[in-house]
C-alpha cells in the first residue's frame, strides 16, 4: 500500500479501530477494481462518505 494511502487513512479515520478497518477494506477493494490506482484523488472519492458520515477529521 502506498505511503500516501496510509497517511490519508491515519489523518482522516481515527475514531475507532472498526472505522479504520472499514476504511482500509474499502480502499483495498476499490483499488482492486480500479487497477491498483491509489491516487489522492481516488482516496478522497472512496473515503469521502466515511469522512463525512461520522469519522472525525483532523483540523
PDB file of N, CA and C in Angstrom:
ATOM      1  N   UNK A   1       0.848  -1.167   0.000  1.00  0.00           N
ATOM      2  CA  UNK A   1       0.000   0.000   0.000  1.00  0.00           C
ATOM      3  C   UNK A   1       0.897   1.236   0.000  1.00  0.00           C
ATOM      4  N   UNK A   2       0.638   2.180  -0.894  1.00  0.00           N
ATOM      5  CA  UNK A   2       1.471   3.379  -0.980  1.00  0.00           C
ATOM      6  C   UNK A   2       1.392   4.240   0.285  1.00  0.00           C
ATOM      7  N   UNK A   3       2.464   4.955   0.530  1.00  0.00           N
ATOM      8  CA  UNK A   3       2.534   5.807   1.725  1.00  0.00           C
ATOM      9  C   UNK A   3       1.417   6.844   1.752  1.00  0.00           C
ATOM     10  N   UNK A   4       1.062   7.404   0.575  1.00  0.00           N
ATOM     11  CA  UNK A   4       0.005   8.422   0.557  1.00  0.00           C
ATOM     12  C   UNK A   4      -1.330   7.845   1.030  1.00  0.00           C
ATOM     13  N   UNK A   5      -1.600   6.582   0.732  1.00  0.00           N
ATOM     14  CA  UNK A   5      -2.848   5.953   1.166  1.00  0.00           C
ATOM     15  C   UNK A   5      -2.851   5.754   2.678  1.00  0.00           C
ATOM     16  N   UNK A   6      -1.732   5.315   3.209  1.00  0.00           N
ATOM     17  CA  UNK A   6      -1.627   5.117   4.657  1.00  0.00           C
ATOM     18  C   UNK A   6      -1.777   6.447   5.383  1.00  0.00           C
ATOM     19  N   UNK A   7      -1.111   7.482   4.896  1.00  0.00           N
ATOM     20  CA  UNK A   7      -1.215   8.808   5.527  1.00  0.00           C
ATOM     21  C   UNK A   7      -2.641   9.333   5.488  1.00  0.00           C
ATOM     22  N   UNK A   8      -3.321   9.135   4.373  1.00  0.00           N
ATOM     23  CA  UNK A   8      -4.713   9.574   4.255  1.00  0.00           C
ATOM     24  C   UNK A   8      -5.579   8.893   5.301  1.00  0.00           C
ATOM     25  N   UNK A   9      -5.406   7.594   5.457  1.00  0.00           N
ATOM     26  CA  UNK A   9      -6.194   6.854   6.443  1.00  0.00           C
ATOM     27  C   UNK A   9      -5.934   7.343   7.866  1.00  0.00           C
ATOM     28  N   UNK A  10      -4.670   7.501   8.227  1.00  0.00           N
ATOM     29  CA  UNK A  10      -4.389   7.881   9.615  1.00  0.00           C
ATOM     30  C   UNK A  10      -4.729   9.340   9.901  1.00  0.00           C
ATOM     31  N   UNK A  11      -4.755  10.183   8.876  1.00  0.00           N
ATOM     32  CA  UNK A  11      -5.102  11.588   9.083  1.00  0.00           C
ATOM     33  C   UNK A  11      -6.605  11.799   9.196  1.00  0.00           C
ATOM     34  N   UNK A  12      -7.388  10.942   8.570  1.00  0.00           N
ATOM     35  CA  UNK A  12      -8.828  11.192   8.499  1.00  0.00           C
ATOM     36  C   UNK A  12      -9.702  10.177   9.220  1.00  0.00           C
ATOM     37  N   UNK A  13      -9.211   8.989   9.438  1.00  0.00           N
ATOM     38  CA  UNK A  13     -10.027   7.954  10.067  1.00  0.00           C
ATOM     39  C   UNK A  13      -9.351   7.545  11.362  1.00  0.00           C
ATOM     40  N   UNK A  14      -9.793   8.118  12.462  1.00  0.00           N
ATOM     41  CA  UNK A  14      -9.180   7.741  13.734  1.00  0.00           C
ATOM     42  C   UNK A  14     -10.181   7.682  14.874  1.00  0.00           C
ATOM     43  N   UNK A  15     -11.461   7.494  14.552  1.00  0.00           N
ATOM     44  CA  UNK A  15     -12.484   7.408  15.591  1.00  0.00           C
ATOM     45  C   UNK A  15     -12.441   6.092  16.349  1.00  0.00           C
ATOM     46  N   UNK A  16     -12.190   5.003  15.626  1.00  0.00           N
ATOM     47  CA  UNK A  16     -12.118   3.688  16.266  1.00  0.00           C
ATOM     48  C   UNK A  16     -11.399   2.721  15.336  1.00  0.00           C
ATOM     49  N   UNK A  17     -11.008   1.614  15.889  1.00  0.00           N
ATOM     50  CA  UNK A  17     -10.346   0.575  15.098  1.00  0.00           C
ATOM     51  C   UNK A  17     -11.307   0.050  14.037  1.00  0.00           C
ATOM     52  N   UNK A  18     -12.583  -0.082  14.374  1.00  0.00           N
ATOM     53  CA  UNK A  18     -13.560  -0.591  13.416  1.00  0.00           C
ATOM     54  C   UNK A  18     -13.672   0.348  12.203  1.00  0.00           C
ATOM     55  N   UNK A  19     -13.700   1.655  12.438  1.00  0.00           N
ATOM     56  CA  UNK A  19     -13.760   2.612  11.329  1.00  0.00           C
ATOM     57  C   UNK A  19     -12.514   2.506  10.455  1.00  0.00           C
ATOM     58  N   UNK A  20     -11.366   2.353  11.083  1.00  0.00           N
ATOM     59  CA  UNK A  20     -10.123   2.217  10.336  1.00  0.00           C
ATOM     60  C   UNK A  20     -10.135   0.938   9.500  1.00  0.00           C
ATOM     61  N   UNK A  21     -10.629  -0.150  10.073  1.00  0.00           N
ATOM     62  CA  UNK A  21     -10.707  -1.414   9.344  1.00  0.00           C
ATOM     63  C   UNK A  21     -11.657  -1.307   8.148  1.00  0.00           C
ATOM     64  N   UNK A  22     -12.802  -0.679   8.339  1.00  0.00           N
ATOM     65  CA  UNK A  22     -13.757  -0.483   7.245  1.00  0.00           C
ATOM     66  C   UNK A  22     -13.117   0.345   6.135  1.00  0.00           C
ATOM     67  N   UNK A  23     -12.447   1.425   6.506  1.00  0.00           N
ATOM     68  CA  UNK A  23     -11.802   2.294   5.519  1.00  0.00           C
ATOM     69  C   UNK A  23     -10.703   1.549   4.766  1.00  0.00           C
ATOM     70  N   UNK A  24      -9.891   0.797   5.483  1.00  0.00           N
ATOM     71  CA  UNK A  24      -8.812   0.038   4.851  1.00  0.00           C
ATOM     72  C   UNK A  24      -9.367  -0.989   3.863  1.00  0.00           C
ATOM     73  N   UNK A  25     -10.382  -1.724   4.278  1.00  0.00           N
ATOM     74  CA  UNK A  25     -11.003  -2.706   3.389  1.00  0.00           C
ATOM     75  C   UNK A  25     -11.611  -2.039   2.162  1.00  0.00           C
ATOM     76  N   UNK A  26     -12.214  -0.892   2.351  1.00  0.00           N
ATOM     77  CA  UNK A  26     -12.814  -0.172   1.225  1.00  0.00           C
ATOM     78  C   UNK A  26     -11.739   0.279   0.236  1.00  0.00           C
ATOM     79  N   UNK A  27     -10.645   0.820   0.732  1.00  0.00           N
ATOM     80  CA  UNK A  27      -9.552   1.263  -0.138  1.00  0.00           C
ATOM     81  C   UNK A  27      -8.975   0.079  -0.916  1.00  0.00           C
ATOM     82  N   UNK A  28      -8.747  -1.027  -0.235  1.00  0.00           N
ATOM     83  CA  UNK A  28      -8.193  -2.208  -0.912  1.00  0.00           C
ATOM     84  C   UNK A  28      -9.152  -2.706  -1.984  1.00  0.00           C
ATOM     85  N   UNK A  29     -10.421  -2.798  -1.656  1.00  0.00           N
ATOM     86  CA  UNK A  29     -11.414  -3.275  -2.627  1.00  0.00           C
ATOM     87  C   UNK A  29     -11.509  -2.341  -3.833  1.00  0.00           C
ATOM     88  N   UNK A  30     -11.605  -1.048  -3.583  1.00  0.00           N
ATOM     89  CA  UNK A  30     -11.714  -0.079  -4.677  1.00  0.00           C
ATOM     90  C   UNK A  30     -10.464  -0.076  -5.548  1.00  0.00           C
ATOM     91  N   UNK A  31      -9.308  -0.220  -4.938  1.00  0.00           N
ATOM     92  CA  UNK A  31      -8.067  -0.259  -5.712  1.00  0.00           C
ATOM     93  C   UNK A  31      -8.024  -1.495  -6.606  1.00  0.00           C
ATOM     94  N   UNK A  32      -8.531  -2.609  -6.094  1.00  0.00           N
ATOM     95  CA  UNK A  32      -8.552  -3.832  -6.900  1.00  0.00           C
ATOM     96  C   UNK A  32      -9.404  -3.671  -8.153  1.00  0.00           C
ATOM     97  N   UNK A  33     -10.543  -3.009  -8.029  1.00  0.00           N
ATOM     98  CA  UNK A  33     -11.398  -2.848  -9.211  1.00  0.00           C
ATOM     99  C   UNK A  33     -10.984  -1.664 -10.079  1.00  0.00           C
ATOM    100  N   UNK A  34     -10.064  -0.855  -9.599  1.00  0.00           N
ATOM    101  CA  UNK A  34      -9.554   0.270 -10.380  1.00  0.00           C
ATOM    102  C   UNK A  34      -8.088   0.071 -10.747  1.00  0.00           C
ATOM    103  N   UNK A  35      -7.697  -1.132 -10.981  1.00  0.00           N
ATOM    104  CA  UNK A  35      -6.340  -1.489 -11.425  1.00  0.00           C
ATOM    105  C   UNK A  35      -5.241  -1.035 -10.475  1.00  0.00           C
ATOM    106  N   UNK A  36      -5.523  -1.005  -9.197  1.00  0.00           N
ATOM    107  CA  UNK A  36      -4.493  -0.711  -8.210  1.00  0.00           C
ATOM    108  C   UNK A  36      -4.145   0.751  -8.014  1.00  0.00           C
ATOM    109  N   UNK A  37      -4.864   1.656  -8.667  1.00  0.00           N
ATOM    110  CA  UNK A  37      -4.545   3.077  -8.562  1.00  0.00           C
ATOM    111  C   UNK A  37      -5.050   3.658  -7.242  1.00  0.00           C
ATOM    112  N   UNK A  38      -4.114   4.053  -6.366  1.00  0.00           N
ATOM    113  CA  UNK A  38      -4.474   4.667  -5.082  1.00  0.00           C
ATOM    114  C   UNK A  38      -4.024   6.117  -5.050  1.00  0.00           C
ATOM    115  N   UNK A  39      -4.454   6.886  -6.027  1.00  0.00           N
ATOM    116  CA  UNK A  39      -4.094   8.306  -6.054  1.00  0.00           C
ATOM    117  C   UNK A  39      -4.848   9.045  -4.946  1.00  0.00           C
ATOM    118  N   UNK A  40      -4.350  10.219  -4.603  1.00  0.00           N
ATOM    119  CA  UNK A  40      -5.028  11.028  -3.582  1.00  0.00           C
ATOM    120  C   UNK A  40      -6.447  11.364  -4.006  1.00  0.00           C
ATOM    121  N   UNK A  41      -6.639  11.600  -5.286  1.00  0.00           N
ATOM    122  CA  UNK A  41      -7.977  11.908  -5.802  1.00  0.00           C
ATOM    123  C   UNK A  41      -8.910  10.717  -5.590  1.00  0.00           C
ATOM    124  N   UNK A  42      -8.437   9.514  -5.935  1.00  0.00           N
ATOM    125  CA  UNK A  42      -9.253   8.311  -5.741  1.00  0.00           C
ATOM    126  C   UNK A  42      -9.554   8.079  -4.266  1.00  0.00           C
ATOM    127  N   UNK A  43      -8.566   8.262  -3.413  1.00  0.00           N
ATOM    128  CA  UNK A  43      -8.772   8.061  -1.983  1.00  0.00           C
ATOM    129  C   UNK A  43      -9.843   8.997  -1.446  1.00  0.00           C
ATOM    130  N   UNK A  44      -9.829  10.239  -1.899  1.00  0.00           N
ATOM    131  CA  UNK A  44     -10.840  11.199  -1.461  1.00  0.00           C
ATOM    132  C   UNK A  44     -12.241  10.777  -1.855  1.00  0.00           C
ATOM    133  N   UNK A  45     -12.374  10.257  -3.062  1.00  0.00           N
ATOM    134  CA  UNK A  45     -13.676   9.792  -3.538  1.00  0.00           C
ATOM    135  C   UNK A  45     -14.108   8.556  -2.748  1.00  0.00           C
ATOM    136  N   UNK A  46     -13.209   7.589  -2.613  1.00  0.00           N
ATOM    137  CA  UNK A  46     -13.554   6.338  -1.947  1.00  0.00           C
ATOM    138  C   UNK A  46     -13.870   6.518  -0.469  1.00  0.00           C
ATOM    139  N   UNK A  47     -13.161   7.412   0.196  1.00  0.00           N
ATOM    140  CA  UNK A  47     -13.334   7.587   1.637  1.00  0.00           C
ATOM    141  C   UNK A  47     -14.238   8.752   2.000  1.00  0.00           C
ATOM    142  N   UNK A  48     -14.690   9.485   1.008  1.00  0.00           N
ATOM    143  CA  UNK A  48     -15.499  10.676   1.263  1.00  0.00           C
ATOM    144  C   UNK A  48     -16.703  10.420   2.145  1.00  0.00           C
ATOM    145  N   UNK A  49     -17.437   9.338   1.875  1.00  0.00           N
ATOM    146  CA  UNK A  49     -18.616   9.046   2.680  1.00  0.00           C
ATOM    147  C   UNK A  49     -18.251   8.690   4.116  1.00  0.00           C
ATOM    148  N   UNK A  50     -17.147   8.024   4.324  1.00  0.00           N
ATOM    149  CA  UNK A  50     -16.731   7.669   5.677  1.00  0.00           C
ATOM    150  C   UNK A  50     -16.303   8.904   6.462  1.00  0.00           C
ATOM    151  N   UNK A  51     -15.630   9.820   5.793  1.00  0.00           N
ATOM    152  CA  UNK A  51     -15.164  11.034   6.463  1.00  0.00           C
ATOM    153  C   UNK A  51     -16.347  11.944   6.790  1.00  0.00           C
ATOM    154  N   UNK A  52     -17.287  12.083   5.865  1.00  0.00           N
ATOM    155  CA  UNK A  52     -18.446  12.947   6.079  1.00  0.00           C
ATOM    156  C   UNK A  52     -19.465  12.371   7.050  1.00  0.00           C
ATOM    157  N   UNK A  53     -19.577  11.054   7.121  1.00  0.00           N
ATOM    158  CA  UNK A  53     -20.634  10.425   7.913  1.00  0.00           C
ATOM    159  C   UNK A  53     -20.191   9.914   9.281  1.00  0.00           C
ATOM    160  N   UNK A  54     -19.422  10.696   9.975  1.00  0.00           N
ATOM    161  CA  UNK A  54     -19.161  10.339  11.356  1.00  0.00           C
ATOM    162  C   UNK A  54     -17.717  10.218  11.766  1.00  0.00           C
ATOM    163  N   UNK A  55     -16.838   9.846  10.896  1.00  0.00           N
ATOM    164  CA  UNK A  55     -15.444   9.781  11.299  1.00  0.00           C
ATOM    165  C   UNK A  55     -14.935  11.186  11.524  1.00  0.00           C
ATOM    166  N   UNK A  56     -14.120  11.351  12.532  1.00  0.00           N
ATOM    167  CA  UNK A  56     -13.586  12.670  12.834  1.00  0.00           C
ATOM    168  C   UNK A  56     -12.516  13.029  11.818  1.00  0.00           C
ATOM    169  N   UNK A  57     -12.460  14.277  11.465  1.00  0.00           N
ATOM    170  CA  UNK A  57     -11.381  14.746  10.586  1.00  0.00           C
ATOM    171  C   UNK A  57     -10.459  15.614  11.403  1.00  0.00           C
ATOM    172  N   UNK A  58      -9.226  15.588  11.037  1.00  0.00           N
ATOM    173  CA  UNK A  58      -8.215  16.398  11.705  1.00  0.00           C
ATOM    174  C   UNK A  58      -8.339  17.825  11.239  1.00  0.00           C
ATOM    175  N   UNK A  59      -8.344  18.780  12.156  1.00  0.00           N
ATOM    176  CA  UNK A  59      -8.488  20.184  11.784  1.00  0.00           C
ATOM    177  C   UNK A  59      -7.213  20.941  11.998  1.00  0.00           C
TER     178      UNK A  59
END
